[in-house]
Amino acid sequence: MNTRAVSPVIGVMLMLVITVILAAVVSSYSGSLVTTEDRPWQIVISAKANTDFFVVRHEGGDPISLSAFKITIYDPETLNTTSVSLNDTDKDGIPDAYSEIGNGDDILETGEAVKVDWANTTWSPERGVKVVVEMYERGGNKPIAKAVTVVD
């Protein structure tokens, strides 16, 4: 009677089980070491301006809270610039520098827009001037959305 054949089979099976368990432990541990970054905002805007006001329209992408963003408008030739914070600084329920064209919930969603009177800015362009409109996350230094228009 040959009883030696059973022992190598059991040994190989035990080695496979231990290898699989070790691989699972290493995978679980190394997966927790990876940090995930926040997903960048995805938003498309369009802009239209005349000598009285400008409008920034949300054309698609993520809905954004207006209080977390600012709009910067500049003339690429003269570098005249103005910025508008999109929040209610005195908390009276009336936006300080803009009016939301939409449902007025301080969330800018696809199809909604923000209208800013040039009177609420530090600079206003003349008719025929090309302006660049950029939207920034408050405290950020890279624009998340950009549009170009000519003042009517």
Protein backbone atom coordinates (compact mmCIF):
# COMPACT_ATOMS: atom_id res chain seq x y z
CA MET A 1 0.00 0.00 0.00
CA ASN A 2 1.30 3.41 -1.05
CA THR A 3 0.22 6.21 1.35
CA ARG A 4 2.84 8.75 0.32
CA ALA A 5 0.79 10.27 -2.58
CA VAL A 6 -1.77 11.93 -0.30
CA SER A 7 0.70 14.14 1.58
CA PRO A 8 2.16 16.09 -1.45
CA VAL A 9 -1.34 16.93 -2.75
CA ILE A 10 -2.44 18.31 0.61
CA GLY A 11 0.83 20.27 0.88
CA VAL A 12 0.33 21.90 -2.52
CA MET A 13 -3.28 22.81 -1.67
CA LEU A 14 -2.21 24.37 1.63
CA MET A 15 0.49 26.42 -0.15
CA LEU A 16 -2.08 27.68 -2.68
CA VAL A 17 -4.52 28.70 0.07
CA ILE A 18 -1.79 30.54 1.99
CA THR A 19 -0.66 32.32 -1.23
CA VAL A 20 -4.21 33.47 -2.01
CA ILE A 21 -4.74 34.74 1.55
CA LEU A 22 -1.43 36.62 1.51
CA ALA A 23 -2.26 38.18 -1.87
CA ALA A 24 -5.63 39.36 -0.53
CA VAL A 25 -4.03 40.88 2.59
CA VAL A 26 -1.32 42.69 0.56
CA SER A 27 -3.88 43.96 -1.95
CA SER A 28 -6.17 45.24 0.81
CA TYR A 29 -3.32 46.99 2.62
CA SER A 30 -1.80 48.59 -0.48
CA GLY A 31 -5.22 49.75 -1.70
CA SER A 32 -5.71 51.76 1.47
CA LEU A 33 -2.41 53.61 0.91
CA VAL A 34 -3.62 55.22 -2.31
CA THR A 35 -5.17 58.67 -1.79
CA THR A 36 -7.95 59.77 -4.06
CA GLU A 37 -8.11 63.36 -5.22
CA ASP A 38 -11.35 65.25 -5.57
CA ARG A 39 -12.78 65.13 -9.04
CA PRO A 40 -12.33 68.46 -10.82
CA TRP A 41 -15.40 70.48 -11.68
CA GLN A 42 -16.90 69.78 -15.06
CA ILE A 43 -18.78 72.80 -16.34
CA VAL A 44 -19.30 74.52 -19.69
CA ILE A 45 -20.28 78.19 -19.75
CA SER A 46 -21.16 80.76 -22.37
CA ALA A 47 -21.10 84.51 -21.99
CA LYS A 48 -22.87 87.48 -23.52
CA ALA A 49 -22.17 91.12 -22.71
CA ASN A 50 -23.40 94.58 -23.57
CA THR A 51 -22.48 97.96 -22.13
CA ASP A 52 -24.98 97.60 -19.25
CA PHE A 53 -24.47 94.02 -18.04
CA PHE A 54 -23.05 90.60 -18.83
CA VAL A 55 -24.64 87.18 -18.55
CA VAL A 56 -22.83 83.91 -17.84
CA ARG A 57 -24.94 80.87 -18.76
CA HIS A 58 -24.37 77.32 -17.47
CA GLU A 59 -24.45 75.22 -20.65
CA GLY A 60 -23.75 71.82 -19.12
CA GLY A 61 -21.90 69.86 -16.48
CA ASP A 62 -21.98 69.84 -12.71
CA PRO A 63 -24.41 72.04 -10.79
CA ILE A 64 -22.39 74.52 -8.73
CA SER A 65 -23.05 76.53 -5.60
CA LEU A 66 -22.70 80.20 -6.52
CA SER A 67 -21.28 81.12 -3.12
CA ALA A 68 -18.27 78.88 -3.79
CA PHE A 69 -17.24 80.63 -7.02
CA LYS A 70 -16.18 83.95 -8.47
CA ILE A 71 -16.20 85.29 -12.02
CA THR A 72 -13.30 87.22 -13.49
CA ILE A 73 -13.72 89.26 -16.68
CA TYR A 74 -10.81 90.78 -18.52
CA ASP A 75 -9.81 92.40 -21.79
CA PRO A 76 -6.93 90.30 -23.22
CA GLU A 77 -5.47 93.33 -25.03
CA THR A 78 -5.44 95.95 -22.27
CA LEU A 79 -5.59 93.46 -19.35
CA ASN A 80 -8.31 95.53 -17.67
CA THR A 81 -9.86 93.13 -15.17
CA THR A 82 -12.76 92.90 -12.77
CA SER A 83 -13.93 90.10 -10.47
CA VAL A 84 -17.33 89.39 -9.03
CA SER A 85 -17.86 87.23 -5.95
CA LEU A 86 -21.03 85.23 -6.26
CA ASN A 87 -22.22 85.39 -2.69
CA ASP A 88 -24.42 87.47 -0.46
CA THR A 89 -21.84 89.09 1.82
CA ASP A 90 -24.29 90.98 4.03
CA LYS A 91 -26.67 87.98 4.27
CA ASP A 92 -29.80 90.01 3.53
CA GLY A 93 -31.04 87.49 0.99
CA ILE A 94 -30.30 89.80 -1.92
CA PRO A 95 -27.18 89.01 -3.93
CA ASP A 96 -24.73 91.88 -3.73
CA ALA A 97 -23.36 91.94 -7.27
CA TYR A 98 -25.43 89.58 -9.38
CA SER A 99 -28.87 88.24 -10.07
CA GLU A 100 -29.47 84.57 -10.76
CA ILE A 101 -31.56 83.77 -13.79
CA GLY A 102 -33.10 80.46 -12.82
CA ASN A 103 -34.87 79.15 -9.75
CA GLY A 104 -32.92 81.42 -7.35
CA ASP A 105 -31.65 78.67 -5.05
CA ASP A 106 -27.96 79.76 -5.19
CA ILE A 107 -27.22 76.64 -7.25
CA LEU A 108 -26.33 77.20 -10.89
CA GLU A 109 -27.59 74.29 -12.96
CA THR A 110 -27.65 73.59 -16.69
CA GLY A 111 -29.77 76.19 -18.46
CA GLU A 112 -29.54 78.76 -15.66
CA ALA A 113 -27.50 81.95 -15.78
CA VAL A 114 -25.98 84.73 -13.71
CA LYS A 115 -26.48 88.38 -14.71
CA VAL A 116 -24.07 91.02 -13.42
CA ASP A 117 -24.53 94.75 -13.96
CA TRP A 118 -21.30 96.48 -14.91
CA ALA A 119 -22.21 99.07 -12.24
CA ASN A 120 -21.33 96.39 -9.64
CA THR A 121 -17.82 95.94 -11.02
CA THR A 122 -14.61 97.96 -10.95
CA TRP A 123 -14.28 98.09 -14.74
CA SER A 124 -16.69 98.03 -17.67
CA PRO A 125 -15.65 97.58 -21.30
CA GLU A 126 -16.78 99.62 -24.25
CA ARG A 127 -18.80 98.33 -27.20
CA GLY A 128 -16.81 96.09 -29.56
CA VAL A 129 -14.24 95.00 -26.97
CA LYS A 130 -13.49 91.28 -26.74
CA VAL A 131 -13.69 90.06 -23.15
CA VAL A 132 -12.72 86.76 -21.56
CA VAL A 133 -14.97 85.43 -18.81
CA GLU A 134 -13.46 82.90 -16.42
CA MET A 135 -15.09 81.11 -13.51
CA TYR A 136 -12.91 80.20 -10.53
CA GLU A 137 -13.53 78.16 -7.44
CA ARG A 138 -13.18 80.50 -4.46
CA GLY A 139 -9.55 80.42 -3.35
CA GLY A 140 -8.43 78.65 -6.52
CA ASN A 141 -6.03 80.01 -9.07
CA LYS A 142 -7.01 77.94 -12.11
CA PRO A 143 -10.21 78.68 -14.04
CA ILE A 144 -12.71 75.84 -14.11
CA ALA A 145 -14.58 77.31 -17.06
CA LYS A 146 -13.89 79.96 -19.69
CA ALA A 147 -15.85 81.80 -22.36
CA VAL A 148 -15.07 84.63 -24.79
CA THR A 149 -17.51 87.23 -26.07
CA VAL A 150 -17.59 90.66 -27.69
CA VAL A 151 -19.45 93.48 -25.96
CA ASP A 152 -22.57 94.52 -27.94
